[in-house]
Amino acid sequence: MWDPNVYGRFGDERSRPFHELVARIPVAAPRQVVDLGCGPGVLTVTLAERWPDAVVRGIDSSTEMIASARALGSRVDFALGDLRDVTPAGVDVLVSNAALQWVPDHLALLDRWVGAMEPGAWLAFQVPGNFASPAHDAVYALAADPRWAPTLGGVVRRMPVPSAAAYATRLTSLNCAVDAWETTYVHVLPGGADHPVLAWLEGTALRPVRAAFGAGADSAGWSAYRAELGEWLAEAYPLSAGRAFFPFRRVFVVAQIQGASS
């Protein structure tokens, strides 16, 4: 279950990659714009503001996120759906921000999307590339511990994503013009009751962990797991002047579909 309030922590840090991605889409007046994995919809609304004449849709698989998005009262059409089921025929700009990493073998999904889109259309996405970081290493190592492996086995998995060069190679082979790059942000996270990197992870990577432990008696397992993870993170990311410095790599791709190659 996604919690829009938990996900919304560190909103500035999470929104910056979206804005930097969309700024690289050089289109003036698209007809249809779709945001796949739109989350609570705040960023999707900015697409409607940038392209006021476009039909803008946001799609997410979380009922909680879509409810939060609809409560914004914008003109965007927010709908519940799985991005894997989307066929973007007629879409001029297809955006996906920090969602594709949840889809195994999503390169095949990109192939299908490109095949459905018309020449001149744009595909833009950003994925976290931080899954080999000390933070994620700690999540995976603890999940494999005999105390929690029976609960978390098959739930916690690494989500490796290709490099910018690998995405560019794949999309270029599909006759796209590609702009791809990688950025490592160093987020300065203020300390609080919990270690700030733990608070960050609770909005994303720890969501399936929390769900696996469930409610009731099993929640004691979550509390123990969470407390020990906090200790690991405090060692990996020691506070300096009450702040943690959290490097976070992200991978960006903006591709324009070209006509059939000769």
Protein backbone atom coordinates (compact mmCIF):
# COMPACT_ATOMS: atom_id res chain seq x y z
CA MET A 1 0.00 0.00 0.00
CA TRP A 2 1.30 3.42 -0.98
CA ASP A 3 0.92 6.26 1.51
CA PRO A 4 0.91 9.65 -0.28
CA ASN A 5 1.93 11.42 2.93
CA VAL A 6 4.94 9.18 3.52
CA TYR A 7 5.92 9.35 -0.17
CA GLY A 8 5.60 13.13 -0.03
CA ARG A 9 8.43 13.49 2.47
CA PHE A 10 11.43 15.18 0.84
CA GLY A 11 9.12 16.49 -1.86
CA ASP A 12 11.67 18.94 -3.24
CA GLU A 13 14.30 16.24 -3.63
CA ARG A 14 11.86 13.82 -5.27
CA SER A 15 10.38 16.40 -7.64
CA ARG A 16 13.62 17.89 -8.94
CA PRO A 17 14.42 14.97 -11.32
CA PHE A 18 10.90 15.18 -12.78
CA HIS A 19 11.28 18.86 -13.61
CA GLU A 20 14.74 18.33 -15.07
CA LEU A 21 13.41 15.48 -17.21
CA VAL A 22 10.40 17.35 -18.55
CA ALA A 23 12.46 20.47 -19.27
CA ARG A 24 14.32 18.45 -21.92
CA ILE A 25 11.16 17.64 -23.93
CA PRO A 26 11.21 20.27 -26.72
CA VAL A 27 7.57 20.18 -27.79
CA ALA A 28 5.30 23.22 -27.86
CA ALA A 29 1.74 22.00 -28.30
CA PRO A 30 1.13 18.28 -27.79
CA ARG A 31 -2.42 16.99 -28.08
CA GLN A 32 -2.23 14.13 -25.57
CA VAL A 33 0.13 13.83 -22.61
CA VAL A 34 0.20 10.81 -20.30
CA ASP A 35 2.06 10.40 -17.00
CA LEU A 36 2.51 6.72 -16.12
CA GLY A 37 3.05 6.03 -12.43
CA CYS A 38 1.76 9.50 -11.60
CA GLY A 39 1.67 8.95 -7.82
CA PRO A 40 -0.19 11.67 -5.89
CA GLY A 41 -0.51 13.75 -9.05
CA VAL A 42 1.19 16.95 -7.93
CA LEU A 43 3.82 16.73 -10.64
CA THR A 44 1.33 15.64 -13.30
CA VAL A 45 -0.59 18.85 -12.71
CA THR A 46 2.50 20.80 -13.78
CA LEU A 47 2.27 19.09 -17.18
CA ALA A 48 -1.24 20.47 -17.60
CA GLU A 49 0.08 23.92 -16.68
CA ARG A 50 2.92 23.71 -19.20
CA TRP A 51 0.66 22.43 -22.01
CA PRO A 52 -2.73 24.05 -21.29
CA ASP A 53 -4.33 22.90 -24.54
CA ALA A 54 -3.33 19.24 -24.17
CA VAL A 55 -5.46 16.42 -22.84
CA VAL A 56 -3.43 15.29 -19.81
CA ARG A 57 -3.91 11.95 -18.07
CA GLY A 58 -2.25 10.43 -15.02
CA ILE A 59 -2.29 6.69 -14.40
CA ASP A 60 -1.19 4.83 -11.27
CA SER A 61 -1.79 1.36 -9.83
CA SER A 62 -2.34 2.64 -6.28
CA THR A 63 -5.89 3.49 -5.23
CA GLU A 64 -4.48 5.68 -2.45
CA MET A 65 -2.34 7.67 -4.87
CA ILE A 66 -5.17 8.16 -7.37
CA ALA A 67 -7.53 9.29 -4.61
CA SER A 68 -4.94 11.84 -3.50
CA ALA A 69 -4.43 12.99 -7.10
CA ARG A 70 -8.14 13.43 -7.76
CA ALA A 71 -8.48 15.47 -4.57
CA LEU A 72 -6.23 18.12 -6.15
CA GLY A 73 -9.19 19.27 -8.21
CA SER A 74 -7.19 19.82 -11.39
CA ARG A 75 -8.33 19.29 -14.96
CA VAL A 76 -6.06 16.24 -15.28
CA ASP A 77 -7.85 12.93 -15.82
CA PHE A 78 -6.46 10.64 -13.12
CA ALA A 79 -7.22 6.93 -13.50
CA LEU A 80 -6.34 3.68 -11.79
CA GLY A 81 -4.32 1.35 -14.01
CA ASP A 82 -1.18 -0.69 -14.51
CA LEU A 83 1.40 0.96 -16.73
CA ARG A 84 2.20 -2.46 -18.19
CA ASP A 85 -1.27 -2.53 -19.73
CA VAL A 86 -1.02 0.85 -21.41
CA THR A 87 -0.83 1.08 -25.20
CA PRO A 88 0.08 4.71 -25.95
CA ALA A 89 -1.41 5.00 -29.44
CA GLY A 90 -2.10 8.64 -30.20
CA VAL A 91 -0.07 9.91 -27.24
CA ASP A 92 2.27 12.77 -28.13
CA VAL A 93 4.22 12.87 -24.84
CA LEU A 94 4.55 9.82 -22.61
CA VAL A 95 6.22 10.50 -19.26
CA SER A 96 7.18 8.03 -16.52
CA ASN A 97 8.96 9.28 -13.43
CA ALA A 98 10.53 6.80 -10.99
CA ALA A 99 8.15 3.98 -11.87
CA LEU A 100 9.74 1.69 -14.46
CA GLN A 101 12.23 0.29 -11.95
CA TRP A 102 9.34 -1.66 -10.40
CA VAL A 103 8.80 -3.53 -13.71
CA PRO A 104 11.16 -6.46 -14.38
CA ASP A 105 12.50 -6.47 -17.95
CA HIS A 106 10.97 -3.12 -18.71
CA LEU A 107 13.12 -2.80 -21.83
CA ALA A 108 10.57 -5.04 -23.53
CA LEU A 109 7.84 -2.68 -22.36
CA LEU A 110 9.70 0.27 -23.89
CA ASP A 111 9.86 -1.65 -27.18
CA ARG A 112 6.07 -2.02 -27.14
CA TRP A 113 5.45 1.60 -26.27
CA VAL A 114 7.71 2.87 -29.04
CA GLY A 115 6.01 0.55 -31.51
CA ALA A 116 2.60 1.98 -30.62
CA MET A 117 3.58 5.67 -30.80
CA GLU A 118 3.54 7.79 -33.93
CA PRO A 119 6.61 9.40 -35.50
CA GLY A 120 7.34 12.69 -33.79
CA ALA A 121 5.99 11.57 -30.41
CA TRP A 122 8.14 11.79 -27.28
CA LEU A 123 8.95 9.23 -24.58
CA ALA A 124 10.60 10.57 -21.43
CA PHE A 125 11.40 8.64 -18.28
CA GLN A 126 13.57 8.73 -15.20
CA VAL A 127 14.51 5.80 -12.98
CA PRO A 128 16.49 5.62 -9.75
CA GLY A 129 19.90 4.04 -10.25
CA ASN A 130 20.73 3.76 -6.58
CA PHE A 131 20.15 0.08 -5.97
CA ALA A 132 23.81 -0.71 -5.27
CA SER A 133 24.04 1.98 -2.60
CA PRO A 134 24.83 1.21 1.06
CA ALA A 135 21.21 2.01 1.90
CA HIS A 136 19.82 -0.66 -0.40
CA ASP A 137 22.56 -3.12 0.50
CA ALA A 138 21.36 -2.85 4.10
CA VAL A 139 17.72 -3.40 3.10
CA TYR A 140 18.59 -6.56 1.17
CA ALA A 141 21.06 -7.94 3.70
CA LEU A 142 18.60 -7.65 6.57
CA ALA A 143 15.80 -9.14 4.48
CA ALA A 144 17.99 -12.22 3.94
CA ASP A 145 18.62 -12.61 7.68
CA PRO A 146 17.13 -15.89 9.03
CA ARG A 147 14.93 -13.87 11.38
CA TRP A 148 13.09 -12.23 8.49
CA ALA A 149 13.80 -14.31 5.41
CA PRO A 150 10.62 -16.42 5.87
CA THR A 151 8.54 -13.24 5.71
CA LEU A 152 10.53 -11.27 3.17
CA GLY A 153 11.76 -14.01 0.85
CA GLY A 154 10.60 -13.19 -2.66
CA VAL A 155 9.33 -9.78 -1.53
CA VAL A 156 12.56 -7.83 -1.33
CA ARG A 157 14.54 -7.90 -4.55
CA ARG A 158 17.13 -5.73 -6.16
CA MET A 159 15.72 -3.64 -8.97
CA PRO A 160 18.72 -3.15 -11.23
CA VAL A 161 18.16 -0.67 -14.02
CA PRO A 162 20.19 -0.30 -17.21
CA SER A 163 22.67 2.51 -17.65
CA ALA A 164 21.86 5.60 -19.68
CA ALA A 165 24.05 4.18 -22.45
CA ALA A 166 22.14 0.88 -22.42
CA TYR A 167 18.78 2.65 -22.69
CA ALA A 168 20.15 4.83 -25.49
CA THR A 169 21.44 1.79 -27.36
CA ARG A 170 18.10 0.01 -27.11
CA LEU A 171 15.98 2.97 -28.14
CA THR A 172 18.32 3.99 -30.94
CA SER A 173 17.94 0.47 -32.34
CA LEU A 174 14.20 1.20 -32.46
CA ASN A 175 14.89 4.27 -34.62
CA CYS A 176 14.51 6.85 -31.88
CA ALA A 177 16.54 10.02 -31.47
CA VAL A 178 17.79 9.75 -27.91
CA ASP A 179 19.04 12.12 -25.24
CA ALA A 180 20.19 10.08 -22.23
CA TRP A 181 22.16 11.06 -19.15
CA GLU A 182 22.86 10.18 -15.53
CA THR A 183 23.01 12.48 -12.50
CA THR A 184 24.07 11.80 -8.93
CA TYR A 185 22.39 14.16 -6.50
CA VAL A 186 23.81 14.59 -3.03
CA HIS A 187 20.72 15.11 -0.91
CA VAL A 188 21.29 16.92 2.37
CA LEU A 189 18.66 15.38 4.65
CA PRO A 190 17.90 16.88 8.07
CA GLY A 191 17.94 14.55 11.04
CA GLY A 192 14.85 13.91 13.14
CA ALA A 193 13.32 11.27 15.36
CA ASP A 194 14.43 8.66 12.80
CA HIS A 195 17.56 8.58 10.68
CA PRO A 196 16.72 10.65 7.57
CA VAL A 197 17.74 7.96 5.08
CA LEU A 198 15.37 5.57 6.85
CA ALA A 199 12.61 8.16 6.49
CA TRP A 200 13.46 8.45 2.78
CA LEU A 201 13.35 4.69 2.19
CA GLU A 202 9.99 4.33 3.92
CA GLY A 203 8.43 6.26 1.06
CA THR A 204 9.66 3.84 -1.62
CA ALA A 205 11.91 0.80 -1.15
CA LEU A 206 10.54 -0.19 2.25
CA ARG A 207 6.92 -0.12 1.16
CA PRO A 208 6.78 -3.83 0.17
CA VAL A 209 8.73 -4.73 3.32
CA ARG A 210 6.18 -3.03 5.54
CA ALA A 211 3.32 -4.65 3.63
CA ALA A 212 4.87 -8.11 4.00
CA PHE A 213 4.99 -7.84 7.78
CA GLY A 214 1.35 -6.83 7.80
CA ALA A 215 -0.63 -5.66 10.81
CA GLY A 216 -1.34 -7.12 14.21
CA ALA A 217 1.23 -9.42 15.76
CA ASP A 218 3.45 -9.38 12.68
CA SER A 219 3.95 -5.63 13.05
CA ALA A 220 6.42 -6.42 15.82
CA GLY A 221 8.63 -7.93 13.13
CA TRP A 222 8.44 -4.72 11.13
CA SER A 223 9.36 -2.66 14.18
CA ALA A 224 12.40 -4.85 14.88
CA TYR A 225 13.49 -4.86 11.23
CA ARG A 226 13.04 -1.10 10.98
CA ALA A 227 14.99 -0.41 14.18
CA GLU A 228 17.95 -2.52 13.08
CA LEU A 229 17.93 -1.02 9.61
CA GLY A 230 18.09 2.41 11.22
CA GLU A 231 21.26 1.36 13.05
CA TRP A 232 22.86 0.17 9.80
CA LEU A 233 21.95 3.39 8.05
CA ALA A 234 23.31 5.51 10.88
CA GLU A 235 26.66 3.79 10.40
CA ALA A 236 26.61 4.06 6.59
CA TYR A 237 25.42 7.68 6.58
CA PRO A 238 26.67 9.32 9.79
CA LEU A 239 25.08 12.63 10.66
CA SER A 240 27.19 15.76 10.36
CA ALA A 241 25.81 18.85 12.08
CA GLY A 242 22.49 17.05 12.32
CA ARG A 243 22.32 16.20 8.61
CA ALA A 244 22.90 13.12 6.46
CA PHE A 245 24.53 13.42 3.04
CA PHE A 246 22.78 10.94 0.78
CA PRO A 247 24.18 10.42 -2.76
CA PHE A 248 21.44 9.32 -5.14
CA ARG A 249 22.05 8.37 -8.78
CA ARG A 250 19.28 8.73 -11.35
CA VAL A 251 19.07 7.78 -15.03
CA PHE A 252 17.20 9.97 -17.54
CA VAL A 253 16.05 9.32 -21.09
CA VAL A 254 14.21 11.55 -23.56
CA ALA A 255 13.53 9.91 -26.91
CA GLN A 256 11.66 11.02 -30.00
CA ILE A 257 10.11 8.38 -32.21
CA GLN A 258 11.33 8.74 -35.80
CA GLY A 259 9.75 7.62 -39.06
CA ALA A 260 10.41 4.18 -40.48
CA SER A 261 14.05 3.72 -41.37
CA SER A 262 14.87 3.23 -45.03
